[in-house]
Amino acid sequence: MSVIINVVICILTFVFMEAWAWVSHKYLLHGPLWFLHKSHHRKRESWWEWNDLVSVIYTVIAAILIVDGADTGKWTLGVGVGIALYGIFYFIFHDMIIHQRIQFKNNFKSKYVKRLIRAHKMHHKHGARNPGEAYGFLYADKKYSP
């Protein structure tokens, strides 16, 4: 498969992952998978949250797709790379910037980053299973603008 087609598949997968993240966060993580996700809505007691298992699952899926696509030349390479890139962005924006799981000096001037932080704070405002808003990770509605 051509490089251009794999790049297009990768970009489409990345965009799809934000939509999938919203749906799965709202209807799976705050639904039947709450037993894993609730650790993320509680005060962290260690570096590990049961919710981190969800990221591990996506990492394994991405790795399998990348290996398969690299081995066979199929479209799965672009999908796997798209999922992996989304995971990297998720880690940077959600775990590092928003939740400060890795401490670093942060003095963000970006309105986009500030909007993401505000939206996620509203999501965590209620520690309950169904807080009712801001389920995305890389997109936040303009109503959360500073």
Protein backbone atom coordinates (compact mmCIF):
# COMPACT_ATOMS: atom_id res chain seq x y z
CA MET A 1 0.00 0.00 0.00
CA SER A 2 1.32 3.44 -0.85
CA VAL A 3 2.72 5.80 1.74
CA ILE A 4 0.15 8.48 0.81
CA ILE A 5 -2.76 6.11 1.40
CA ASN A 6 -1.32 5.05 4.77
CA VAL A 7 -0.86 8.70 5.77
CA VAL A 8 -4.48 9.47 4.84
CA ILE A 9 -5.67 6.39 6.77
CA CYS A 10 -3.53 7.47 9.73
CA ILE A 11 -5.01 11.00 9.76
CA LEU A 12 -8.58 9.71 9.39
CA THR A 13 -7.98 7.21 12.21
CA PHE A 14 -6.58 9.96 14.45
CA VAL A 15 -9.70 12.11 13.85
CA PHE A 16 -11.97 9.09 14.33
CA MET A 17 -10.23 8.31 17.64
CA GLU A 18 -11.38 11.61 19.14
CA ALA A 19 -14.98 10.78 18.22
CA TRP A 20 -14.52 7.22 19.48
CA ALA A 21 -12.91 8.55 22.69
CA TRP A 22 -15.95 10.74 23.35
CA VAL A 23 -18.44 7.91 22.73
CA SER A 24 -16.49 5.28 24.64
CA HIS A 25 -15.76 7.68 27.51
CA LYS A 26 -19.41 8.65 27.91
CA TYR A 27 -21.13 5.33 27.22
CA LEU A 28 -18.53 2.69 28.19
CA LEU A 29 -16.21 4.24 30.79
CA HIS A 30 -19.05 6.05 32.55
CA GLY A 31 -21.24 3.02 31.93
CA PRO A 32 -20.35 -0.69 32.18
CA LEU A 33 -16.59 -0.01 32.49
CA TRP A 34 -17.02 2.43 35.39
CA PHE A 35 -15.37 -0.15 37.66
CA LEU A 36 -12.09 0.65 35.82
CA HIS A 37 -12.63 4.35 35.13
CA LYS A 38 -13.77 5.40 38.60
CA SER A 39 -10.13 5.24 39.76
CA HIS A 40 -9.55 8.23 37.49
CA HIS A 41 -12.24 10.26 39.27
CA ARG A 42 -10.79 9.61 42.73
CA LYS A 43 -7.73 11.03 44.42
CA ARG A 44 -4.69 9.20 43.07
CA GLU A 45 -2.95 7.06 45.66
CA SER A 46 -0.15 5.76 43.44
CA TRP A 47 1.29 6.22 39.94
CA TRP A 48 -1.12 3.54 38.65
CA GLU A 49 -4.87 3.91 38.19
CA TRP A 50 -7.05 1.01 37.07
CA ASN A 51 -8.18 3.37 34.34
CA ASP A 52 -4.65 3.10 32.87
CA LEU A 53 -5.55 -0.41 31.78
CA VAL A 54 -7.69 1.16 29.04
CA SER A 55 -4.58 2.84 27.59
CA VAL A 56 -2.67 -0.43 27.79
CA ILE A 57 -5.42 -2.14 25.78
CA TYR A 58 -5.29 0.53 23.05
CA THR A 59 -1.48 0.28 23.00
CA VAL A 60 -1.65 -3.46 22.42
CA ILE A 61 -4.24 -3.02 19.66
CA ALA A 62 -2.13 -0.33 17.95
CA ALA A 63 1.02 -2.47 18.19
CA ILE A 64 -0.72 -5.50 16.68
CA LEU A 65 -2.10 -3.38 13.81
CA ILE A 66 1.29 -1.74 13.14
CA VAL A 67 3.13 -5.07 13.09
CA ASP A 68 0.47 -6.61 10.85
CA GLY A 69 0.53 -3.69 8.44
CA ALA A 70 4.32 -3.50 8.34
CA ASP A 71 4.49 -7.25 7.71
CA THR A 72 1.73 -7.51 5.09
CA GLY A 73 1.62 -4.01 3.58
CA LYS A 74 -2.05 -3.70 4.47
CA TRP A 75 -4.08 -0.68 5.62
CA THR A 76 -3.70 -1.81 9.23
CA LEU A 77 -0.37 0.04 9.39
CA GLY A 78 -2.10 3.42 8.96
CA VAL A 79 -4.80 2.54 11.48
CA GLY A 80 -2.25 1.34 14.03
CA VAL A 81 -0.09 4.44 13.65
CA GLY A 82 -3.18 6.68 13.90
CA ILE A 83 -4.24 4.99 17.15
CA ALA A 84 -0.68 5.21 18.50
CA LEU A 85 -0.38 8.91 17.64
CA TYR A 86 -3.72 9.61 19.29
CA GLY A 87 -2.46 7.77 22.38
CA ILE A 88 0.68 9.91 22.45
CA PHE A 89 -1.36 13.12 22.18
CA TYR A 90 -3.75 11.81 24.84
CA PHE A 91 -0.83 11.14 27.18
CA ILE A 92 0.69 14.57 26.59
CA PHE A 93 -2.52 16.59 26.87
CA HIS A 94 -4.54 14.55 29.35
CA ASP A 95 -2.00 12.91 31.63
CA MET A 96 0.85 15.44 31.53
CA ILE A 97 -0.80 18.82 30.96
CA ILE A 98 -4.25 18.42 32.53
CA HIS A 99 -3.57 15.97 35.36
CA GLN A 100 0.12 16.70 35.87
CA ARG A 101 0.97 13.02 36.27
CA ILE A 102 4.49 13.99 35.25
CA GLN A 103 5.42 17.21 36.96
CA PHE A 104 6.83 20.03 34.86
CA LYS A 105 6.70 23.78 34.86
CA ASN A 106 3.57 24.91 33.07
CA ASN A 107 2.70 28.43 32.17
CA PHE A 108 0.41 27.88 29.22
CA LYS A 109 -0.58 30.88 27.16
CA SER A 110 -2.50 28.85 24.57
CA LYS A 111 -6.25 29.44 24.61
CA TYR A 112 -6.68 25.91 23.25
CA VAL A 113 -4.82 24.33 26.17
CA LYS A 114 -6.64 26.52 28.69
CA ARG A 115 -9.97 25.50 27.12
CA LEU A 116 -9.04 21.79 27.37
CA ILE A 117 -8.07 22.20 31.02
CA ARG A 118 -11.32 24.03 31.88
CA ALA A 119 -13.46 21.44 30.10
CA HIS A 120 -11.74 18.59 31.86
CA LYS A 121 -12.07 20.31 35.23
CA MET A 122 -15.79 20.58 34.59
CA HIS A 123 -15.87 16.89 33.74
CA HIS A 124 -14.15 16.05 37.03
CA LYS A 125 -16.18 18.57 39.04
CA HIS A 126 -18.55 15.79 39.93
CA GLY A 127 -16.84 12.60 41.11
CA ALA A 128 -19.91 10.67 40.14
CA ARG A 129 -20.40 8.12 37.41
CA ASN A 130 -22.36 10.49 35.16
CA PRO A 131 -21.09 14.07 35.45
CA GLY A 132 -22.83 14.93 32.20
CA GLU A 133 -20.34 17.03 30.24
CA ALA A 134 -17.00 17.32 28.45
CA TYR A 135 -16.23 13.73 27.52
CA GLY A 136 -13.68 14.51 24.78
CA PHE A 137 -9.93 14.63 25.22
CA LEU A 138 -8.47 16.77 22.44
CA TYR A 139 -11.55 18.81 21.61
CA ALA A 140 -13.39 21.06 24.02
CA ASP A 141 -16.41 23.18 23.17
CA LYS A 142 -15.85 26.92 22.93
CA LYS A 143 -18.08 27.44 25.96
CA TYR A 144 -15.02 26.40 28.01
CA SER A 145 -12.91 29.19 26.53
CA PRO A 146 -11.13 31.43 29.02
